[in-house]
C-alpha atoms as a PDB file:
ATOM      1  CA  MET A   1     106.916  57.164 170.609  1.00  0.00           C
ATOM      2  CA  SER A   2     107.837  57.664 174.214  1.00  0.00           C
ATOM      3  CA  ILE A   3     107.935  55.302 177.123  1.00  0.00           C
ATOM      4  CA  ILE A   4     105.267  55.836 179.745  1.00  0.00           C
ATOM      5  CA  ASN A   5     107.091  57.017 182.825  1.00  0.00           C
ATOM      6  CA  ASN A   6     104.380  57.541 185.380  1.00  0.00           C
ATOM      7  CA  ILE A   7     101.023  55.892 185.908  1.00  0.00           C
ATOM      8  CA  SER A   8      98.906  57.107 188.764  1.00  0.00           C
ATOM      9  CA  THR A   9      97.198  54.470 190.848  1.00  0.00           C
ATOM     10  CA  PRO A  10      93.477  54.808 191.459  1.00  0.00           C
ATOM     11  CA  GLN A  11      92.223  54.835 195.007  1.00  0.00           C
ATOM     12  CA  THR A  12      90.809  51.575 196.356  1.00  0.00           C
ATOM     13  CA  ILE A  13      87.091  51.536 197.067  1.00  0.00           C
ATOM     14  CA  ALA A  14      85.881  48.946 199.570  1.00  0.00           C
ATOM     15  CA  LEU A  15      82.440  47.545 198.719  1.00  0.00           C
ATOM     16  CA  PRO A  16      79.983  46.630 201.489  1.00  0.00           C
ATOM     17  CA  ASN A  17      80.200  43.028 202.709  1.00  0.00           C
ATOM     18  CA  LEU A  18      83.346  42.424 200.649  1.00  0.00           C
ATOM     19  CA  PRO A  19      86.876  42.271 202.036  1.00  0.00           C
ATOM     20  CA  ALA A  20      89.164  45.097 200.946  1.00  0.00           C
ATOM     21  CA  PHE A  21      91.995  44.220 198.590  1.00  0.00           C
ATOM     22  CA  ASP A  22      95.250  44.183 200.550  1.00  0.00           C
ATOM     23  CA  GLY A  23      97.579  44.234 197.521  1.00  0.00           C
ATOM     24  CA  PRO A  24      99.438  41.619 195.540  1.00  0.00           C
ATOM     25  CA  ALA A  25     100.315  38.208 196.900  1.00  0.00           C
ATOM     26  CA  ALA A  26     103.470  38.032 198.966  1.00  0.00           C
ATOM     27  CA  GLY A  27     106.492  38.459 196.707  1.00  0.00           C
ATOM     28  CA  GLY A  28     104.472  38.739 193.494  1.00  0.00           C
ATOM     29  CA  PRO A  29     104.392  41.729 191.182  1.00  0.00           C
ATOM     30  CA  SER A  30     101.412  44.055 191.375  1.00  0.00           C
ATOM     31  CA  PHE A  31      98.954  44.488 188.510  1.00  0.00           C
ATOM     32  CA  LYS A  32     100.325  47.983 187.901  1.00  0.00           C
ATOM     33  CA  ASP A  33     103.878  46.625 187.598  1.00  0.00           C
ATOM     34  CA  MET A  34     102.793  43.958 185.132  1.00  0.00           C
ATOM     35  CA  LEU A  35     100.816  46.506 183.110  1.00  0.00           C
ATOM     36  CA  VAL A  36     103.681  49.005 182.964  1.00  0.00           C
ATOM     37  CA  ASP A  37     106.107  46.216 182.011  1.00  0.00           C
ATOM     38  CA  SER A  38     103.809  45.077 179.198  1.00  0.00           C
ATOM     39  CA  ILE A  39     103.455  48.611 177.844  1.00  0.00           C
ATOM     40  CA  GLN A  40     107.220  49.064 177.955  1.00  0.00           C
ATOM     41  CA  GLN A  41     107.717  45.794 176.054  1.00  0.00           C
ATOM     42  CA  VAL A  42     105.269  46.913 173.349  1.00  0.00           C
ATOM     43  CA  ASN A  43     107.047  50.270 173.142  1.00  0.00           C
ATOM     44  CA  THR A  44     110.419  48.530 172.822  1.00  0.00           C
ATOM     45  CA  MET A  45     109.071  46.353 170.010  1.00  0.00           C
ATOM     46  CA  GLN A  46     107.805  49.439 168.176  1.00  0.00           C
ATOM     47  CA  LEU A  47     111.115  51.267 168.598  1.00  0.00           C
ATOM     48  CA  GLU A  48     113.026  48.227 167.301  1.00  0.00           C
ATOM     49  CA  ALA A  49     110.693  47.972 164.300  1.00  0.00           C
ATOM     50  CA  ASP A  50     111.155  51.687 163.580  1.00  0.00           C
ATOM     51  CA  GLN A  51     114.921  51.289 163.777  1.00  0.00           C
ATOM     52  CA  ALA A  52     114.822  48.278 161.429  1.00  0.00           C
ATOM     53  CA  VAL A  53     112.731  50.209 158.883  1.00  0.00           C
ATOM     54  CA  GLU A  54     115.102  53.192 159.060  1.00  0.00           C
ATOM     55  CA  THR A  55     118.065  50.882 158.540  1.00  0.00           C
ATOM     56  CA  LEU A  56     116.367  49.245 155.552  1.00  0.00           C
ATOM     57  CA  PHE A  57     115.489  52.581 153.931  1.00  0.00           C
ATOM     58  CA  SER A  58     118.936  54.040 154.506  1.00  0.00           C
ATOM     59  CA  GLY A  59     120.523  51.132 152.653  1.00  0.00           C
ATOM     60  CA  GLY A  60     121.846  49.322 155.693  1.00  0.00           C
ATOM     61  CA  ASP A  61     122.670  45.630 155.757  1.00  0.00           C
ATOM     62  CA  VAL A  62     119.404  44.161 157.012  1.00  0.00           C
ATOM     63  CA  ASN A  63     117.194  41.331 155.854  1.00  0.00           C
ATOM     64  CA  PRO A  64     113.840  42.671 154.537  1.00  0.00           C
ATOM     65  CA  ALA A  65     112.035  39.593 155.892  1.00  0.00           C
ATOM     66  CA  GLU A  66     113.329  40.355 159.388  1.00  0.00           C
ATOM     67  CA  VAL A  67     112.166  43.960 159.062  1.00  0.00           C
ATOM     68  CA  LEU A  68     108.702  42.820 157.994  1.00  0.00           C
ATOM     69  CA  THR A  69     108.572  40.356 160.886  1.00  0.00           C
ATOM     70  CA  ALA A  70     109.596  43.037 163.393  1.00  0.00           C
ATOM     71  CA  VAL A  71     106.946  45.439 162.066  1.00  0.00           C
ATOM     72  CA  GLN A  72     104.247  42.769 162.170  1.00  0.00           C
ATOM     73  CA  LYS A  73     105.204  41.751 165.719  1.00  0.00           C
ATOM     74  CA  ALA A  74     105.056  45.366 166.884  1.00  0.00           C
ATOM     75  CA  ASP A  75     101.703  45.878 165.146  1.00  0.00           C
ATOM     76  CA  LEU A  76     100.208  42.732 166.659  1.00  0.00           C
ATOM     77  CA  ALA A  77     101.471  43.609 170.142  1.00  0.00           C
ATOM     78  CA  PHE A  78     100.052  47.121 169.847  1.00  0.00           C
ATOM     79  CA  ARG A  79      96.658  45.885 168.632  1.00  0.00           C
ATOM     80  CA  LEU A  80      96.530  43.337 171.470  1.00  0.00           C
ATOM     81  CA  THR A  81      97.345  46.072 173.984  1.00  0.00           C
ATOM     82  CA  MET A  82      94.595  48.275 172.535  1.00  0.00           C
ATOM     83  CA  GLN A  83      92.067  45.429 172.785  1.00  0.00           C
ATOM     84  CA  MET A  84      93.038  44.863 176.424  1.00  0.00           C
ATOM     85  CA  ARG A  85      92.621  48.589 177.062  1.00  0.00           C
ATOM     86  CA  ASN A  86      89.208  48.568 175.393  1.00  0.00           C
ATOM     87  CA  LYS A  87      88.053  45.622 177.515  1.00  0.00           C
ATOM     88  CA  LEU A  88      89.312  47.279 180.691  1.00  0.00           C
ATOM     89  CA  MET A  89      87.450  50.465 179.772  1.00  0.00           C
ATOM     90  CA  GLU A  90      84.251  48.456 179.180  1.00  0.00           C
ATOM     91  CA  VAL A  91      84.607  46.844 182.599  1.00  0.00           C
ATOM     92  CA  TYR A  92      85.288  50.225 184.186  1.00  0.00           C
ATOM     93  CA  GLN A  93      82.158  51.687 182.559  1.00  0.00           C
ATOM     94  CA  GLU A  94      80.045  48.755 183.769  1.00  0.00           C
ATOM     95  CA  ILE A  95      81.352  49.099 187.318  1.00  0.00           C
ATOM     96  CA  LYS A  96      80.855  52.857 187.208  1.00  0.00           C
ATOM     97  CA  ASP A  97      77.216  52.394 186.125  1.00  0.00           C
ATOM     98  CA  ILE A  98      76.410  50.050 189.021  1.00  0.00           C
ATOM     99  CA  ARG A  99      74.018  51.719 191.481  1.00  0.00           C
ATOM    100  CA  ILE A 100      74.564  50.955 195.131  1.00  0.00           C
END
């Protein structure tokens, strides 16, 4: 698995009678930054789980319960990320289908 290095930002569309979004609150991280950070954390968890499994199979000194826990954490984080992606895609489709 590879770390996502570049995410392009979509262009902002201002809706009639609504103020345009000026960006994140002063000093706070942007949505893109939080999203990229979350994806990197999930990727790190998966890489650590892969490393733990490789160590276990190669006869290294590792606790099998810790390996199982790492794999389950990585799996849960990945499934949560996929559910968030699916919800975001549903919202995007609904917004895209709105007729103005």
